[in-house]
Amino acid sequence: MTDTRVQPVDADVAAAVLSAMRAIDRPDEMLEDEIFGHTMPRRLGLSGVVERQIELYSERSRQGKGLGPDELAQLIGVVVRRSDAATILYMAGTYLADGCIPKRRRWQPREGRLDHAKRTIQRNLDGLFGRGVGSFAAGSSRLEAADSPLARLDPSGDVCAIVTGFCQRALDRAIGKDLKMVKVSCRSEGEGHPCAWRIEV
């Protein structure tokens, strides 16, 4: 039975993931490991088909058409088979933040900017991934997801890098580069461990 809790997911998420794969892969790259299950995902990022698919996902996002849970699961499944999956997903998160997080308001006090940044992060995470990917408790610097729909797609926990990348770039844009979004807990660690991040100086 399809788990509808992972909907809606903005098609820009898929476009960002494919864009990150394209940016990391190089046409002249020599792939030493020719095991199909590993090299196919890497060669995917070099394919001209990817460019067209990015355009299609971007168009779907503009039309308000999201990704179904199976479609998202298939894409994440391809990425996490790569040894550089966490790097790709982190980069994808930064691309998403660049597209929706405004630059800092210099006239606003730092504390006000941080509160605004946290609200903006949570609102945009909900808009991109659907609810459940993470939320800040009132007055807290901890972003937590007790049962993240993203984490259910990847038992290794690499998929959470897309949230880390998104939040870090959002903080950079809204506050400055002196704050870090640090992953402090992951569902991949076992039962009772939520996916959680903390803003640190």
Protein backbone atom coordinates (compact mmCIF):
# COMPACT_ATOMS: atom_id res chain seq x y z
CA MET A 1 0.00 0.00 0.00
CA THR A 2 1.37 3.43 -0.95
CA ASP A 3 2.23 5.69 1.97
CA THR A 4 0.56 8.99 1.20
CA ARG A 5 2.27 10.76 4.08
CA VAL A 6 5.23 11.56 1.82
CA GLN A 7 3.02 13.74 -0.38
CA PRO A 8 3.07 16.37 -1.61
CA VAL A 9 6.71 16.65 -2.67
CA ASP A 10 7.56 19.56 -4.94
CA ALA A 11 8.98 18.46 -8.29
CA ASP A 12 11.77 21.01 -7.73
CA VAL A 13 13.22 18.49 -5.26
CA ALA A 14 13.82 16.03 -8.09
CA ALA A 15 15.16 18.79 -10.33
CA ALA A 16 17.63 19.82 -7.62
CA VAL A 17 18.83 16.24 -7.07
CA LEU A 18 19.45 15.71 -10.77
CA SER A 19 21.14 19.12 -11.04
CA ALA A 20 23.51 18.15 -8.24
CA MET A 21 24.33 14.85 -9.96
CA ARG A 22 25.03 16.74 -13.19
CA ALA A 23 27.28 19.24 -11.38
CA ILE A 24 29.33 16.53 -9.67
CA ASP A 25 29.73 14.15 -12.61
CA ARG A 26 32.16 14.96 -15.42
CA PRO A 27 32.09 13.56 -18.98
CA ASP A 28 35.80 12.72 -18.88
CA GLU A 29 35.51 10.95 -15.53
CA MET A 30 37.07 7.48 -15.40
CA LEU A 31 34.91 5.08 -13.43
CA GLU A 32 37.03 2.35 -11.90
CA ASP A 33 34.17 0.35 -10.43
CA GLU A 34 32.26 -1.13 -13.37
CA ILE A 35 29.70 -3.00 -11.26
CA PHE A 36 26.46 -2.02 -12.98
CA GLY A 37 24.56 -1.23 -9.80
CA HIS A 38 27.13 1.42 -8.92
CA THR A 39 28.23 2.79 -12.28
CA MET A 40 24.75 3.12 -13.76
CA PRO A 41 23.70 5.74 -11.18
CA ARG A 42 26.96 7.64 -11.76
CA ARG A 43 26.63 7.57 -15.52
CA LEU A 44 23.06 8.76 -15.16
CA GLY A 45 24.38 12.15 -14.13
CA LEU A 46 26.38 12.35 -17.37
CA SER A 47 23.47 11.55 -19.64
CA GLY A 48 21.93 14.17 -21.91
CA VAL A 49 18.57 12.78 -20.84
CA VAL A 50 19.14 14.32 -17.41
CA GLU A 51 19.06 17.85 -18.82
CA ARG A 52 15.63 17.26 -20.31
CA GLN A 53 14.36 15.60 -17.15
CA ILE A 54 15.46 18.58 -15.06
CA GLU A 55 13.47 20.85 -17.37
CA LEU A 56 10.42 18.60 -17.09
CA TYR A 57 10.57 18.53 -13.29
CA SER A 58 10.97 22.32 -13.16
CA GLU A 59 7.95 22.73 -15.42
CA ARG A 60 5.91 20.38 -13.23
CA SER A 61 6.82 22.47 -10.21
CA ARG A 62 5.69 25.67 -11.93
CA GLN A 63 2.40 23.95 -12.73
CA GLY A 64 1.97 22.89 -9.11
CA LYS A 65 2.30 19.19 -9.93
CA GLY A 66 4.25 17.28 -7.30
CA LEU A 67 6.03 13.94 -7.14
CA GLY A 68 4.25 10.78 -6.10
CA PRO A 69 5.82 8.72 -3.29
CA ASP A 70 6.91 5.95 -5.66
CA GLU A 71 8.56 8.42 -8.02
CA LEU A 72 10.49 10.05 -5.19
CA ALA A 73 11.49 6.66 -3.79
CA GLN A 74 12.86 5.55 -7.17
CA LEU A 75 14.95 8.70 -7.55
CA ILE A 76 16.35 8.51 -4.02
CA GLY A 77 17.02 4.81 -4.58
CA VAL A 78 19.23 5.61 -7.57
CA VAL A 79 21.15 8.29 -5.68
CA VAL A 80 21.85 6.33 -2.49
CA ARG A 81 23.49 3.54 -4.50
CA ARG A 82 26.31 5.97 -5.20
CA SER A 83 29.26 6.37 -2.85
CA ASP A 84 28.86 10.16 -3.05
CA ALA A 85 25.14 10.11 -2.27
CA ALA A 86 25.41 12.35 0.81
CA THR A 87 27.38 14.95 -1.16
CA ILE A 88 24.81 14.98 -3.97
CA LEU A 89 21.88 15.30 -1.60
CA TYR A 90 23.56 18.03 0.47
CA MET A 91 24.22 20.00 -2.72
CA ALA A 92 20.62 19.48 -3.83
CA GLY A 93 19.48 20.96 -0.52
CA THR A 94 21.58 24.08 -1.09
CA TYR A 95 20.07 24.50 -4.56
CA LEU A 96 16.58 24.32 -3.10
CA ALA A 97 17.41 26.93 -0.46
CA ASP A 98 18.88 29.26 -3.08
CA GLY A 99 15.56 29.11 -4.88
CA CYS A 100 13.29 29.99 -1.98
CA ILE A 101 15.19 31.55 0.95
CA PRO A 102 15.59 35.36 0.80
CA LYS A 103 18.90 36.98 1.71
CA ARG A 104 19.25 38.47 5.17
CA ARG A 105 17.54 41.63 6.24
CA ARG A 106 20.47 43.69 7.48
CA TRP A 107 18.19 46.19 9.19
CA GLN A 108 16.68 43.50 11.41
CA PRO A 109 18.33 42.56 14.75
CA ARG A 110 20.18 39.23 14.66
CA GLU A 111 17.77 37.50 17.06
CA GLY A 112 14.85 38.58 14.93
CA ARG A 113 16.61 37.33 11.80
CA LEU A 114 17.18 33.94 13.42
CA ASP A 115 13.55 33.59 14.47
CA HIS A 116 12.45 34.59 11.00
CA ALA A 117 14.94 32.16 9.44
CA LYS A 118 13.61 29.25 11.51
CA ARG A 119 10.03 30.01 10.51
CA THR A 120 11.08 30.32 6.88
CA ILE A 121 13.03 27.06 7.00
CA GLN A 122 10.12 25.14 8.46
CA ARG A 123 7.58 26.66 6.09
CA ASN A 124 9.68 25.87 3.04
CA LEU A 125 10.54 22.35 4.19
CA ASP A 126 6.81 21.72 4.52
CA GLY A 127 6.22 23.19 1.09
CA LEU A 128 8.95 21.18 -0.59
CA PHE A 129 8.64 17.82 1.15
CA GLY A 130 5.27 17.84 2.86
CA ARG A 131 4.86 17.88 6.62
CA GLY A 132 6.96 15.67 8.84
CA VAL A 133 10.48 16.41 7.59
CA GLY A 134 11.24 18.63 10.56
CA SER A 135 9.92 21.32 12.88
CA PHE A 136 11.33 23.69 15.49
CA ALA A 137 9.77 23.75 18.94
CA ALA A 138 8.99 27.26 20.18
CA GLY A 139 12.18 29.02 21.23
CA SER A 140 14.33 26.03 20.30
CA SER A 141 17.33 25.77 17.97
CA ARG A 142 16.60 22.06 17.41
CA LEU A 143 14.85 20.88 14.24
CA GLU A 144 13.35 17.43 14.75
CA ALA A 145 11.35 14.85 12.82
CA ALA A 146 10.13 11.95 14.92
CA ASP A 147 9.17 9.91 11.86
CA SER A 148 10.59 11.61 8.79
CA PRO A 149 9.06 10.39 5.52
CA LEU A 150 12.43 10.99 3.87
CA ALA A 151 14.23 8.75 6.34
CA ARG A 152 11.87 5.91 5.50
CA LEU A 153 13.22 6.00 1.94
CA ASP A 154 16.83 5.36 2.97
CA PRO A 155 17.80 3.27 6.03
CA SER A 156 21.42 4.50 5.77
CA GLY A 157 20.44 8.07 6.64
CA ASP A 158 22.23 9.64 3.66
CA VAL A 159 18.97 11.13 2.41
CA CYS A 160 18.88 13.46 5.41
CA ALA A 161 21.79 15.36 3.86
CA ILE A 162 19.28 17.17 1.64
CA VAL A 163 17.71 18.69 4.77
CA THR A 164 21.14 19.53 6.22
CA GLY A 165 22.17 21.26 3.01
CA PHE A 166 18.89 23.16 2.78
CA CYS A 167 19.05 24.40 6.37
CA GLN A 168 22.73 25.33 6.21
CA ARG A 169 22.30 27.40 3.06
CA ALA A 170 19.17 28.99 4.51
CA LEU A 171 21.11 30.06 7.60
CA ASP A 172 23.97 31.36 5.45
CA ARG A 173 21.55 33.47 3.43
CA ALA A 174 19.41 34.70 6.32
CA ILE A 175 22.00 35.19 9.08
CA GLY A 176 25.56 34.74 7.85
CA LYS A 177 28.11 31.95 7.75
CA ASP A 178 28.87 31.82 11.48
CA LEU A 179 26.03 29.40 12.27
CA LYS A 180 26.12 25.69 11.54
CA MET A 181 23.28 23.22 11.12
CA VAL A 182 24.57 20.05 12.76
CA LYS A 183 22.93 16.63 12.51
CA VAL A 184 22.73 15.33 16.07
CA SER A 185 20.48 12.27 15.71
CA CYS A 186 19.27 9.99 12.94
CA ARG A 187 16.56 7.40 12.59
CA SER A 188 19.18 5.14 11.00
CA GLU A 189 20.70 4.75 14.49
CA GLY A 190 17.75 2.65 15.57
CA GLU A 191 14.36 2.74 17.23
CA GLY A 192 13.76 5.81 19.35
CA HIS A 193 16.26 8.00 17.50
CA PRO A 194 14.53 10.82 15.62
CA CYS A 195 16.13 12.67 12.75
CA ALA A 196 17.29 15.88 14.42
CA TRP A 197 19.52 18.87 13.76
CA ARG A 198 20.73 21.71 15.97
CA ILE A 199 21.81 25.24 15.11
CA GLU A 200 25.27 25.84 16.58
CA VAL A 201 27.65 28.79 16.61
